[in-house]
C-alpha atoms as a PDB file:
ATOM      1  CA  MET A   1      96.612 101.954  26.860  1.00  0.00           C
ATOM      2  CA  ASP A   2      98.654 102.648  30.310  1.00  0.00           C
ATOM      3  CA  PHE A   3      98.256 106.057  32.276  1.00  0.00           C
ATOM      4  CA  LEU A   4      99.571 109.651  30.673  1.00  0.00           C
ATOM      5  CA  PRO A   5     101.512 110.322  33.831  1.00  0.00           C
ATOM      6  CA  ALA A   6     102.625 106.043  33.821  1.00  0.00           C
ATOM      7  CA  ARG A   7     104.389 106.756  30.486  1.00  0.00           C
ATOM      8  CA  VAL A   8     105.765 109.922  31.042  1.00  0.00           C
ATOM      9  CA  GLY A   9     107.200 109.076  34.032  1.00  0.00           C
ATOM     10  CA  ARG A  10     108.957 106.458  31.944  1.00  0.00           C
ATOM     11  CA  HIS A  11     110.949 108.803  29.819  1.00  0.00           C
ATOM     12  CA  TYR A  12     112.394 110.595  33.482  1.00  0.00           C
ATOM     13  CA  GLY A  13     112.917 107.122  34.772  1.00  0.00           C
ATOM     14  CA  LYS A  14     110.285 107.317  37.258  1.00  0.00           C
ATOM     15  CA  LEU A  15     106.903 105.082  38.266  1.00  0.00           C
ATOM     16  CA  GLU A  16     104.685 108.557  37.518  1.00  0.00           C
ATOM     17  CA  GLN A  17     105.481 112.537  36.473  1.00  0.00           C
ATOM     18  CA  TRP A  18     102.893 115.056  36.764  1.00  0.00           C
ATOM     19  CA  ILE A  19     104.987 117.670  35.553  1.00  0.00           C
ATOM     20  CA  PHE A  20     106.686 117.468  32.211  1.00  0.00           C
ATOM     21  CA  GLU A  21     108.192 118.879  29.350  1.00  0.00           C
ATOM     22  CA  PRO A  22     105.536 119.809  26.180  1.00  0.00           C
ATOM     23  CA  GLY A  23     107.920 117.723  23.990  1.00  0.00           C
ATOM     24  CA  VAL A  24     107.926 115.057  25.934  1.00  0.00           C
ATOM     25  CA  ALA A  25     104.001 114.972  26.433  1.00  0.00           C
ATOM     26  CA  GLU A  26     103.764 115.367  22.649  1.00  0.00           C
ATOM     27  CA  GLY A  27     106.144 112.213  21.977  1.00  0.00           C
ATOM     28  CA  VAL A  28     103.697 110.337  24.060  1.00  0.00           C
ATOM     29  CA  PHE A  29     100.646 111.311  22.439  1.00  0.00           C
ATOM     30  CA  LYS A  30     102.329 110.428  18.925  1.00  0.00           C
ATOM     31  CA  GLN A  31     103.421 106.761  20.649  1.00  0.00           C
ATOM     32  CA  TYR A  32      99.345 106.805  21.586  1.00  0.00           C
ATOM     33  CA  ILE A  33      98.153 107.494  17.826  1.00  0.00           C
ATOM     34  CA  GLN A  34     100.663 105.195  16.151  1.00  0.00           C
ATOM     35  CA  GLU A  35      99.908 102.274  18.338  1.00  0.00           C
ATOM     36  CA  GLY A  36      95.713 102.634  18.168  1.00  0.00           C
ATOM     37  CA  LYS A  37      96.608 102.921  14.324  1.00  0.00           C
ATOM     38  CA  VAL A  38      94.893 106.267  14.263  1.00  0.00           C
ATOM     39  CA  LYS A  39      94.854 108.467  10.676  1.00  0.00           C
ATOM     40  CA  VAL A  40      95.432 111.885  11.713  1.00  0.00           C
ATOM     41  CA  VAL A  41      94.998 114.862   8.895  1.00  0.00           C
ATOM     42  CA  TYR A  42      96.287 117.855   9.762  1.00  0.00           C
ATOM     43  CA  GLY A  43      95.227 121.263   9.096  1.00  0.00           C
ATOM     44  CA  HIS A  44      91.898 120.323   8.449  1.00  0.00           C
ATOM     45  CA  ALA A  45      88.275 121.139  10.291  1.00  0.00           C
ATOM     46  CA  VAL A  46      86.022 118.121  10.712  1.00  0.00           C
ATOM     47  CA  VAL A  47      82.240 119.425   9.303  1.00  0.00           C
ATOM     48  CA  GLY A  48      80.314 115.806   9.535  1.00  0.00           C
ATOM     49  CA  VAL A  49      80.493 112.324  10.297  1.00  0.00           C
ATOM     50  CA  THR A  50      79.219 109.045   9.233  1.00  0.00           C
ATOM     51  CA  LYS A  51      78.625 106.150  11.931  1.00  0.00           C
ATOM     52  CA  THR A  52      77.995 102.650  10.745  1.00  0.00           C
ATOM     53  CA  GLY A  53      76.552 101.011  13.484  1.00  0.00           C
ATOM     54  CA  GLY A  54      77.990 103.137  16.620  1.00  0.00           C
ATOM     55  CA  ALA A  55      81.899 103.157  14.801  1.00  0.00           C
ATOM     56  CA  ILE A  56      82.979 106.193  12.476  1.00  0.00           C
ATOM     57  CA  SER A  57      83.186 104.813   9.037  1.00  0.00           C
ATOM     58  CA  SER A  58      83.532 108.236   7.318  1.00  0.00           C
ATOM     59  CA  CYS A  59      84.384 111.932   7.906  1.00  0.00           C
ATOM     60  CA  SER A  60      84.197 115.097   6.012  1.00  0.00           C
ATOM     61  CA  ALA A  61      86.637 118.125   6.627  1.00  0.00           C
ATOM     62  CA  PHE A  62      87.748 121.394   4.609  1.00  0.00           C
ATOM     63  CA  ALA A  63      91.356 122.295   4.784  1.00  0.00           C
ATOM     64  CA  VAL A  64      91.448 125.771   7.160  1.00  0.00           C
ATOM     65  CA  ASP A  65      93.767 127.494   4.567  1.00  0.00           C
ATOM     66  CA  GLY A  66      91.260 126.781   1.957  1.00  0.00           C
ATOM     67  CA  SER A  67      93.602 125.345  -0.455  1.00  0.00           C
ATOM     68  CA  SER A  68      92.013 122.224  -1.060  1.00  0.00           C
ATOM     69  CA  GLY A  69      88.219 122.719  -0.791  1.00  0.00           C
ATOM     70  CA  PHE A  70      86.313 119.712   0.444  1.00  0.00           C
ATOM     71  CA  ASP A  71      87.571 116.370   1.377  1.00  0.00           C
ATOM     72  CA  ILE A  72      85.742 112.782   2.214  1.00  0.00           C
ATOM     73  CA  TYR A  73      88.091 110.461   5.009  1.00  0.00           C
ATOM     74  CA  ARG A  74      87.250 106.931   4.485  1.00  0.00           C
ATOM     75  CA  LEU A  75      88.180 104.918   7.572  1.00  0.00           C
END
């Protein structure tokens, strides 16, 4: 993974960029998530985590709008 200002800089055609639009930062963040194959669950708050060996194996979350109760996500 490269340094955020370097990746944002490529968007603007520069080596590094420290001042950028929020949408550009969001796009870079989404690229990092996609490259890392991270599952993102929006609209939920984590209330518990189970670890196996030093890695997270599952987490418990609830919908912040109260619509879907309690969910367990296995990683």
